[in-house]
C-alpha atoms as a PDB file:
ATOM      1  CA  MET A   1       0.320   0.131  -0.083  1.00  0.00           C
ATOM      2  CA  GLY A   2       1.304   3.227  -1.016  1.00  0.00           C
ATOM      3  CA  GLU A   3       1.312   6.341   1.507  1.00  0.00           C
ATOM      4  CA  PRO A   4      -2.021   7.985   2.023  1.00  0.00           C
ATOM      5  CA  ALA A   5      -2.284  11.120   0.357  1.00  0.00           C
ATOM      6  CA  VAL A   6      -2.343  14.286   2.638  1.00  0.00           C
ATOM      7  CA  ARG A   7      -2.880  17.883   3.411  1.00  0.00           C
ATOM      8  CA  VAL A   8      -1.119  19.799   5.707  1.00  0.00           C
ATOM      9  CA  PHE A   9      -2.324  22.910   7.261  1.00  0.00           C
ATOM     10  CA  ALA A  10      -0.322  24.824   9.811  1.00  0.00           C
ATOM     11  CA  ALA A  11       0.031  28.307  11.611  1.00  0.00           C
ATOM     12  CA  GLU A  12       3.292  30.085  11.378  1.00  0.00           C
ATOM     13  CA  VAL A  13       3.782  29.493  15.057  1.00  0.00           C
ATOM     14  CA  THR A  14       2.528  25.750  16.330  1.00  0.00           C
ATOM     15  CA  ALA A  15       1.560  24.993  19.757  1.00  0.00           C
ATOM     16  CA  GLY A  16       1.120  21.317  20.810  1.00  0.00           C
ATOM     17  CA  PRO A  17       1.370  18.209  19.096  1.00  0.00           C
ATOM     18  CA  PRO A  18      -0.118  17.596  15.574  1.00  0.00           C
ATOM     19  CA  VAL A  19      -3.489  16.731  14.613  1.00  0.00           C
ATOM     20  CA  LEU A  20      -4.625  13.960  12.662  1.00  0.00           C
ATOM     21  CA  LEU A  21      -8.064  14.061  10.892  1.00  0.00           C
ATOM     22  CA  LEU A  22      -9.753  10.933   9.414  1.00  0.00           C
ATOM     23  CA  HIS A  23     -12.774  11.156   7.541  1.00  0.00           C
ATOM     24  CA  GLY A  24     -15.591   8.615   7.278  1.00  0.00           C
ATOM     25  CA  PHE A  25     -16.402   6.398   4.281  1.00  0.00           C
ATOM     26  CA  ALA A  26     -17.186   7.237   0.647  1.00  0.00           C
ATOM     27  CA  SER A  27     -16.156  10.608   1.367  1.00  0.00           C
ATOM     28  CA  ASP A  28     -12.744  12.501   1.626  1.00  0.00           C
ATOM     29  CA  GLY A  29     -10.486  14.811   3.612  1.00  0.00           C
ATOM     30  CA  GLN A  30     -11.593  17.906   1.782  1.00  0.00           C
ATOM     31  CA  ARG A  31     -15.251  17.298   1.992  1.00  0.00           C
ATOM     32  CA  ASP A  32     -15.275  16.230   5.756  1.00  0.00           C
ATOM     33  CA  TRP A  33     -12.380  18.451   7.271  1.00  0.00           C
ATOM     34  CA  VAL A  34     -11.702  21.232   4.900  1.00  0.00           C
ATOM     35  CA  GLY A  35     -15.265  22.144   3.532  1.00  0.00           C
ATOM     36  CA  THR A  36     -16.345  21.904   7.303  1.00  0.00           C
ATOM     37  CA  GLY A  37     -13.997  24.141   8.496  1.00  0.00           C
ATOM     38  CA  MET A  38     -12.655  21.820  10.876  1.00  0.00           C
ATOM     39  CA  ALA A  39      -9.059  22.138   9.425  1.00  0.00           C
ATOM     40  CA  ASP A  40      -8.667  25.768   9.820  1.00  0.00           C
ATOM     41  CA  ALA A  41     -10.284  26.136  13.135  1.00  0.00           C
ATOM     42  CA  LEU A  42      -7.458  23.655  14.259  1.00  0.00           C
ATOM     43  CA  ALA A  43      -4.485  25.328  12.297  1.00  0.00           C
ATOM     44  CA  ALA A  44      -5.753  28.598  14.262  1.00  0.00           C
ATOM     45  CA  THR A  45      -5.143  27.550  17.467  1.00  0.00           C
ATOM     46  CA  GLY A  46      -1.419  26.873  16.217  1.00  0.00           C
ATOM     47  CA  ARG A  47      -1.859  22.711  15.627  1.00  0.00           C
ATOM     48  CA  ARG A  48      -0.367  21.711  12.344  1.00  0.00           C
ATOM     49  CA  VAL A  49      -3.220  19.652  10.718  1.00  0.00           C
ATOM     50  CA  VAL A  50      -2.618  16.465   8.817  1.00  0.00           C
ATOM     51  CA  VAL A  51      -5.897  15.611   6.744  1.00  0.00           C
ATOM     52  CA  ALA A  52      -5.318  12.343   5.144  1.00  0.00           C
ATOM     53  CA  ASP A  53      -7.604  10.345   2.719  1.00  0.00           C
ATOM     54  CA  LEU A  54      -7.966   6.887   3.773  1.00  0.00           C
ATOM     55  CA  PRO A  55      -7.021   4.315   0.777  1.00  0.00           C
ATOM     56  CA  GLY A  56      -9.326   4.095  -2.140  1.00  0.00           C
ATOM     57  CA  HIS A  57     -10.724   7.805  -0.915  1.00  0.00           C
ATOM     58  CA  GLY A  58     -10.059  10.954  -2.460  1.00  0.00           C
ATOM     59  CA  ASP A  59      -6.511  11.382  -3.426  1.00  0.00           C
ATOM     60  CA  SER A  60      -5.138   8.076  -2.093  1.00  0.00           C
ATOM     61  CA  ALA A  61      -4.741   4.912  -4.159  1.00  0.00           C
ATOM     62  CA  ALA A  62      -6.954   2.184  -4.072  1.00  0.00           C
ATOM     63  CA  PRO A  63      -5.875  -0.641  -2.296  1.00  0.00           C
ATOM     64  CA  VAL A  64      -4.851  -3.715  -4.586  1.00  0.00           C
ATOM     65  CA  GLY A  65      -6.591  -6.238  -2.797  1.00  0.00           C
ATOM     66  CA  PRO A  66      -8.383  -6.461   0.565  1.00  0.00           C
ATOM     67  CA  ALA A  67      -5.646  -7.349   2.929  1.00  0.00           C
ATOM     68  CA  GLU A  68      -4.366  -3.817   2.344  1.00  0.00           C
ATOM     69  CA  ALA A  69      -7.691  -2.647   3.143  1.00  0.00           C
ATOM     70  CA  GLY A  70      -7.909  -3.919   6.956  1.00  0.00           C
ATOM     71  CA  ALA A  71      -8.076  -1.833   9.801  1.00  0.00           C
ATOM     72  CA  ARG A  72      -5.004  -2.199  11.056  1.00  0.00           C
ATOM     73  CA  ARG A  73      -2.977  -2.094   7.845  1.00  0.00           C
ATOM     74  CA  ILE A  74      -4.596   1.263   7.087  1.00  0.00           C
ATOM     75  CA  ALA A  75      -3.827   2.521  10.992  1.00  0.00           C
ATOM     76  CA  GLU A  76      -0.193   1.719   9.929  1.00  0.00           C
ATOM     77  CA  ALA A  77      -0.144   3.393   7.032  1.00  0.00           C
ATOM     78  CA  LEU A  78      -1.415   6.433   8.659  1.00  0.00           C
ATOM     79  CA  VAL A  79       0.893   5.930  11.125  1.00  0.00           C
ATOM     80  CA  ALA A  80       3.755   5.960   8.542  1.00  0.00           C
ATOM     81  CA  VAL A  81       2.708   9.876   7.187  1.00  0.00           C
ATOM     82  CA  MET A  82       2.922  11.480  10.838  1.00  0.00           C
ATOM     83  CA  ASP A  83       6.089  12.812  12.178  1.00  0.00           C
ATOM     84  CA  ASP A  84       7.815  10.780  14.961  1.00  0.00           C
ATOM     85  CA  GLY A  85       6.301  11.451  18.315  1.00  0.00           C
ATOM     86  CA  VAL A  86       2.617  12.209  20.021  1.00  0.00           C
ATOM     87  CA  PHE A  87      -0.143  13.093  17.991  1.00  0.00           C
ATOM     88  CA  ASP A  88      -3.424  13.448  18.470  1.00  0.00           C
ATOM     89  CA  VAL A  89      -6.192  12.001  16.339  1.00  0.00           C
ATOM     90  CA  VAL A  90     -10.093  13.076  15.291  1.00  0.00           C
ATOM     91  CA  GLY A  91     -11.978  10.446  13.255  1.00  0.00           C
ATOM     92  CA  TYR A  92     -15.588  10.319  12.255  1.00  0.00           C
ATOM     93  CA  SER A  93     -17.629   7.496  11.221  1.00  0.00           C
ATOM     94  CA  LEU A  94     -14.993   5.239   9.321  1.00  0.00           C
ATOM     95  CA  GLY A  95     -12.687   7.386  10.432  1.00  0.00           C
ATOM     96  CA  ALA A  96     -13.177   7.025  14.198  1.00  0.00           C
ATOM     97  CA  ARG A  97     -13.210   3.415  13.821  1.00  0.00           C
ATOM     98  CA  ILE A  98      -9.584   3.474  11.936  1.00  0.00           C
ATOM     99  CA  ALA A  99      -8.375   5.683  14.900  1.00  0.00           C
ATOM    100  CA  TRP A 100      -9.420   3.007  17.258  1.00  0.00           C
ATOM    101  CA  GLU A 101      -6.568   1.051  15.960  1.00  0.00           C
ATOM    102  CA  LEU A 102      -4.015   3.684  16.308  1.00  0.00           C
ATOM    103  CA  PRO A 103      -2.590   3.563  19.885  1.00  0.00           C
ATOM    104  CA  GLY A 104      -1.778   0.007  18.813  1.00  0.00           C
ATOM    105  CA  ALA A 105      -0.373   0.746  15.785  1.00  0.00           C
ATOM    106  CA  ALA A 106       1.806   3.621  17.288  1.00  0.00           C
ATOM    107  CA  PRO A 107       2.474   2.278  20.880  1.00  0.00           C
ATOM    108  CA  GLY A 108       2.982   5.652  23.563  1.00  0.00           C
ATOM    109  CA  ARG A 109       2.146   8.085  20.289  1.00  0.00           C
ATOM    110  CA  VAL A 110      -1.360   8.761  20.251  1.00  0.00           C
ATOM    111  CA  ARG A 111      -2.159  11.548  23.344  1.00  0.00           C
ATOM    112  CA  ARG A 112      -5.917  12.947  22.816  1.00  0.00           C
ATOM    113  CA  ALA A 113      -8.673  11.302  20.491  1.00  0.00           C
ATOM    114  CA  VAL A 114     -12.140  12.429  19.575  1.00  0.00           C
ATOM    115  CA  LEU A 115     -14.503   9.811  18.170  1.00  0.00           C
ATOM    116  CA  GLY A 116     -17.217  11.217  16.189  1.00  0.00           C
ATOM    117  CA  GLY A 117     -19.944   9.402  14.452  1.00  0.00           C
ATOM    118  CA  LEU A 118     -18.841   5.778  15.564  1.00  0.00           C
ATOM    119  CA  SER A 119     -21.019   2.896  15.263  1.00  0.00           C
ATOM    120  CA  PRO A 120     -20.934  -0.016  17.804  1.00  0.00           C
ATOM    121  CA  SER A 121     -21.562  -1.883  15.699  1.00  0.00           C
ATOM    122  CA  ASP A 122     -19.663  -2.725  12.356  1.00  0.00           C
ATOM    123  CA  PRO A 123     -21.923  -2.470   9.353  1.00  0.00           C
ATOM    124  CA  PHE A 124     -19.455  -3.846   6.888  1.00  0.00           C
ATOM    125  CA  THR A 125     -19.721  -7.456   8.540  1.00  0.00           C
ATOM    126  CA  ALA A 126     -23.116  -7.394   7.291  1.00  0.00           C
ATOM    127  CA  VAL A 127     -22.571  -6.569   3.647  1.00  0.00           C
ATOM    128  CA  ASP A 128     -23.078  -8.989   1.019  1.00  0.00           C
ATOM    129  CA  VAL A 129     -19.417  -8.282  -0.848  1.00  0.00           C
ATOM    130  CA  GLU A 130     -20.303 -10.519  -3.850  1.00  0.00           C
ATOM    131  CA  ALA A 131     -24.005  -8.501  -4.704  1.00  0.00           C
ATOM    132  CA  LEU A 132     -22.157  -5.151  -3.966  1.00  0.00           C
ATOM    133  CA  ARG A 133     -19.403  -6.105  -6.699  1.00  0.00           C
ATOM    134  CA  ARG A 134     -22.434  -6.969  -9.102  1.00  0.00           C
ATOM    135  CA  ALA A 135     -24.049  -3.929  -8.476  1.00  0.00           C
ATOM    136  CA  VAL A 136     -20.908  -1.605  -9.242  1.00  0.00           C
ATOM    137  CA  ALA A 137     -20.052  -3.561 -12.096  1.00  0.00           C
ATOM    138  CA  GLY A 138     -23.376  -2.649 -13.601  1.00  0.00           C
ATOM    139  CA  GLY A 139     -25.704  -5.454 -12.696  1.00  0.00           C
ATOM    140  CA  PRO A 140     -28.841  -5.262 -10.292  1.00  0.00           C
ATOM    141  CA  ALA A 141     -29.614  -3.744  -7.257  1.00  0.00           C
ATOM    142  CA  PRO A 142     -28.679  -5.888  -4.358  1.00  0.00           C
ATOM    143  CA  ALA A 143     -31.824  -7.518  -2.170  1.00  0.00           C
ATOM    144  CA  ASP A 144     -30.453  -6.454   0.826  1.00  0.00           C
ATOM    145  CA  PRO A 145     -31.229  -3.041   2.108  1.00  0.00           C
ATOM    146  CA  LEU A 146     -27.845  -2.421   3.809  1.00  0.00           C
ATOM    147  CA  THR A 147     -25.801  -3.494   0.731  1.00  0.00           C
ATOM    148  CA  ALA A 148     -27.824  -1.445  -1.650  1.00  0.00           C
ATOM    149  CA  MET A 149     -27.422   1.411   0.497  1.00  0.00           C
ATOM    150  CA  ILE A 150     -23.520   0.822   0.422  1.00  0.00           C
ATOM    151  CA  ALA A 151     -23.622   0.366  -3.234  1.00  0.00           C
ATOM    152  CA  ASP A 152     -25.537   3.405  -3.541  1.00  0.00           C
ATOM    153  CA  MET A 153     -22.512   5.224  -1.803  1.00  0.00           C
ATOM    154  CA  VAL A 154     -20.144   3.434  -3.511  1.00  0.00           C
ATOM    155  CA  LEU A 155     -21.452   4.299  -6.896  1.00  0.00           C
ATOM    156  CA  ALA A 156     -21.777   7.882  -6.304  1.00  0.00           C
ATOM    157  CA  GLN A 157     -18.299   8.025  -6.103  1.00  0.00           C
ATOM    158  CA  GLY A 158     -17.660   7.408 -10.198  1.00  0.00           C
ATOM    159  CA  HIS A 159     -14.411   6.021 -10.799  1.00  0.00           C
ATOM    160  CA  ARG A 160     -13.592   5.219  -7.182  1.00  0.00           C
ATOM    161  CA  ALA A 161     -15.869   2.544  -7.085  1.00  0.00           C
ATOM    162  CA  ALA A 162     -14.221  -0.518  -7.959  1.00  0.00           C
ATOM    163  CA  GLY A 163     -11.720   0.510  -5.002  1.00  0.00           C
ATOM    164  CA  LEU A 164     -14.074   1.119  -2.392  1.00  0.00           C
ATOM    165  CA  VAL A 165     -15.522  -2.555  -2.593  1.00  0.00           C
ATOM    166  CA  THR A 166     -12.149  -3.568  -1.982  1.00  0.00           C
ATOM    167  CA  CYS A 167     -11.939  -1.435   0.896  1.00  0.00           C
ATOM    168  CA  VAL A 168     -15.556  -2.780   1.901  1.00  0.00           C
ATOM    169  CA  GLU A 169     -14.357  -6.327   1.487  1.00  0.00           C
ATOM    170  CA  GLY A 170     -10.911  -5.659   3.628  1.00  0.00           C
ATOM    171  CA  LEU A 171     -12.770  -3.912   6.410  1.00  0.00           C
ATOM    172  CA  ARG A 172     -15.263  -6.985   6.846  1.00  0.00           C
ATOM    173  CA  ALA A 173     -12.499  -9.041   7.012  1.00  0.00           C
ATOM    174  CA  THR A 174     -11.443  -7.108  10.072  1.00  0.00           C
ATOM    175  CA  PRO A 175     -14.740  -6.046  12.153  1.00  0.00           C
ATOM    176  CA  PHE A 176     -14.766  -3.692  14.896  1.00  0.00           C
ATOM    177  CA  GLU A 177     -14.138  -5.403  18.153  1.00  0.00           C
ATOM    178  CA  PRO A 178     -13.175  -2.690  20.690  1.00  0.00           C
ATOM    179  CA  GLY A 179     -11.338  -3.472  23.290  1.00  0.00           C
ATOM    180  CA  ALA A 180      -8.919  -2.149  25.640  1.00  0.00           C
ATOM    181  CA  TRP A 181      -8.153   1.946  24.363  1.00  0.00           C
ATOM    182  CA  THR A 182      -4.503   2.172  24.941  1.00  0.00           C
ATOM    183  CA  GLY A 183      -3.944   5.846  24.126  1.00  0.00           C
ATOM    184  CA  ALA A 184      -2.471   8.116  26.611  1.00  0.00           C
ATOM    185  CA  GLU A 185      -5.741   9.600  27.481  1.00  0.00           C
ATOM    186  CA  PRO A 186      -9.189   8.240  27.249  1.00  0.00           C
ATOM    187  CA  PRO A 187     -10.993   9.439  24.514  1.00  0.00           C
ATOM    188  CA  VAL A 188     -14.424  11.863  23.541  1.00  0.00           C
ATOM    189  CA  PHE A 189     -16.823  10.368  22.181  1.00  0.00           C
ATOM    190  CA  VAL A 190     -19.499  13.072  19.563  1.00  0.00           C
ATOM    191  CA  ALA A 191     -22.697  11.123  18.819  1.00  0.00           C
ATOM    192  CA  GLY A 192     -25.455  13.342  16.776  1.00  0.00           C
ATOM    193  CA  ARG A 193     -28.848  13.372  18.685  1.00  0.00           C
ATOM    194  CA  GLU A 194     -30.813  12.148  15.555  1.00  0.00           C
ATOM    195  CA  ASP A 195     -27.970   9.954  14.596  1.00  0.00           C
ATOM    196  CA  VAL A 196     -29.326   6.229  14.331  1.00  0.00           C
ATOM    197  CA  VAL A 197     -25.735   5.199  13.228  1.00  0.00           C
ATOM    198  CA  VAL A 198     -24.601   5.434  16.924  1.00  0.00           C
ATOM    199  CA  ALA A 199     -27.032   4.091  18.713  1.00  0.00           C
ATOM    200  CA  GLY A 200     -25.755   1.951  21.853  1.00  0.00           C
ATOM    201  CA  ILE A 201     -22.714   3.884  21.263  1.00  0.00           C
ATOM    202  CA  GLU A 202     -23.113   3.994  25.256  1.00  0.00           C
ATOM    203  CA  ARG A 203     -21.805   0.331  25.390  1.00  0.00           C
ATOM    204  CA  ILE A 204     -18.293   1.250  24.095  1.00  0.00           C
ATOM    205  CA  VAL A 205     -17.609   4.395  26.273  1.00  0.00           C
ATOM    206  CA  GLY A 206     -18.512   2.694  29.137  1.00  0.00           C
ATOM    207  CA  GLN A 207     -15.819   0.332  28.416  1.00  0.00           C
ATOM    208  CA  VAL A 208     -12.925   3.018  28.191  1.00  0.00           C
ATOM    209  CA  THR A 209     -12.158   4.476  32.120  1.00  0.00           C
ATOM    210  CA  GLY A 210     -12.637   8.170  32.099  1.00  0.00           C
ATOM    211  CA  ALA A 211     -14.070   8.505  28.383  1.00  0.00           C
ATOM    212  CA  ARG A 212     -17.254  10.467  27.865  1.00  0.00           C
ATOM    213  CA  LEU A 213     -19.493  10.871  25.819  1.00  0.00           C
ATOM    214  CA  VAL A 214     -20.525  14.433  24.125  1.00  0.00           C
ATOM    215  CA  THR A 215     -24.117  14.894  22.775  1.00  0.00           C
ATOM    216  CA  VAL A 216     -24.589  17.437  19.560  1.00  0.00           C
ATOM    217  CA  ALA A 217     -27.266  18.926  17.097  1.00  0.00           C
ATOM    218  CA  GLY A 218     -27.874  17.141  14.460  1.00  0.00           C
ATOM    219  CA  ASP A 219     -27.979  13.427  12.352  1.00  0.00           C
ATOM    220  CA  HIS A 220     -25.091  11.570  11.161  1.00  0.00           C
ATOM    221  CA  VAL A 221     -24.661  14.159   8.149  1.00  0.00           C
ATOM    222  CA  GLU A 222     -25.739  17.068  10.015  1.00  0.00           C
ATOM    223  CA  ALA A 223     -23.468  15.998  13.284  1.00  0.00           C
ATOM    224  CA  LEU A 224     -20.249  16.139  11.076  1.00  0.00           C
ATOM    225  CA  SER A 225     -20.619  19.893   9.788  1.00  0.00           C
ATOM    226  CA  GLY A 226     -22.051  21.427  12.675  1.00  0.00           C
ATOM    227  CA  PRO A 227     -20.731  23.675  15.166  1.00  0.00           C
ATOM    228  CA  GLY A 228     -20.588  21.483  18.198  1.00  0.00           C
ATOM    229  CA  LEU A 229     -18.361  18.884  16.662  1.00  0.00           C
ATOM    230  CA  ARG A 230     -16.050  21.779  15.984  1.00  0.00           C
ATOM    231  CA  GLU A 231     -16.565  23.217  19.516  1.00  0.00           C
ATOM    232  CA  VAL A 232     -15.899  19.715  21.351  1.00  0.00           C
ATOM    233  CA  VAL A 233     -12.599  18.946  18.948  1.00  0.00           C
ATOM    234  CA  THR A 234     -10.929  22.633  19.606  1.00  0.00           C
ATOM    235  CA  THR A 235     -11.598  22.325  23.549  1.00  0.00           C
ATOM    236  CA  THR A 236     -10.660  18.769  23.487  1.00  0.00           C
ATOM    237  CA  LEU A 237      -7.218  19.153  21.963  1.00  0.00           C
ATOM    238  CA  ALA A 238      -6.564  22.611  23.357  1.00  0.00           C
ATOM    239  CA  PRO A 239      -2.521  22.479  24.336  1.00  0.00           C
END
């Protein structure tokens, strides 16, 4: 797997460790973090901000096979784009799921984390990959509603569609099974009040001593772009 594509935002004078921003599935760093103003908001506080595109998304190359699209492999590739030393991470939806892998992939280097829009159950484990692949190749829409929804998201990405199917296959093979959080500080979870994706997130929050859950306005999409998440992130990551 090649290095993920990144955009870097930084003020003339930096304060605190760098921040890695990880976007959601079938999106990219530009849409989730630059377009929403999050990258600029963090840079304005003096942070060096690294906005990454996950494999198969944005300007990053598609994985050549599902083994390269497993959650830990993606996390390891992301660590490689960060300078040596500690860093903070903000992930949303799939980005939050990948962020969970970072303390294991970079022991002792993850300081603070904000995990937004995280689904406590892994949706990719229920995807019919063969039906998804047929749909993306021009075949019929999948009969399974979840797979059909994923197919619509993937097809909307045009030339990236085939690579996103590979991503789904790799993520499906490495399901989210949250164990102990090994970052330096417990994460802050953020959930939209109308976000059905995060239903049951209290179970994950309860597994991590000292973690807290902050509820903001909006559904899964609205919570990402709203001021509530931005305020939580800038406050949590204050130097």
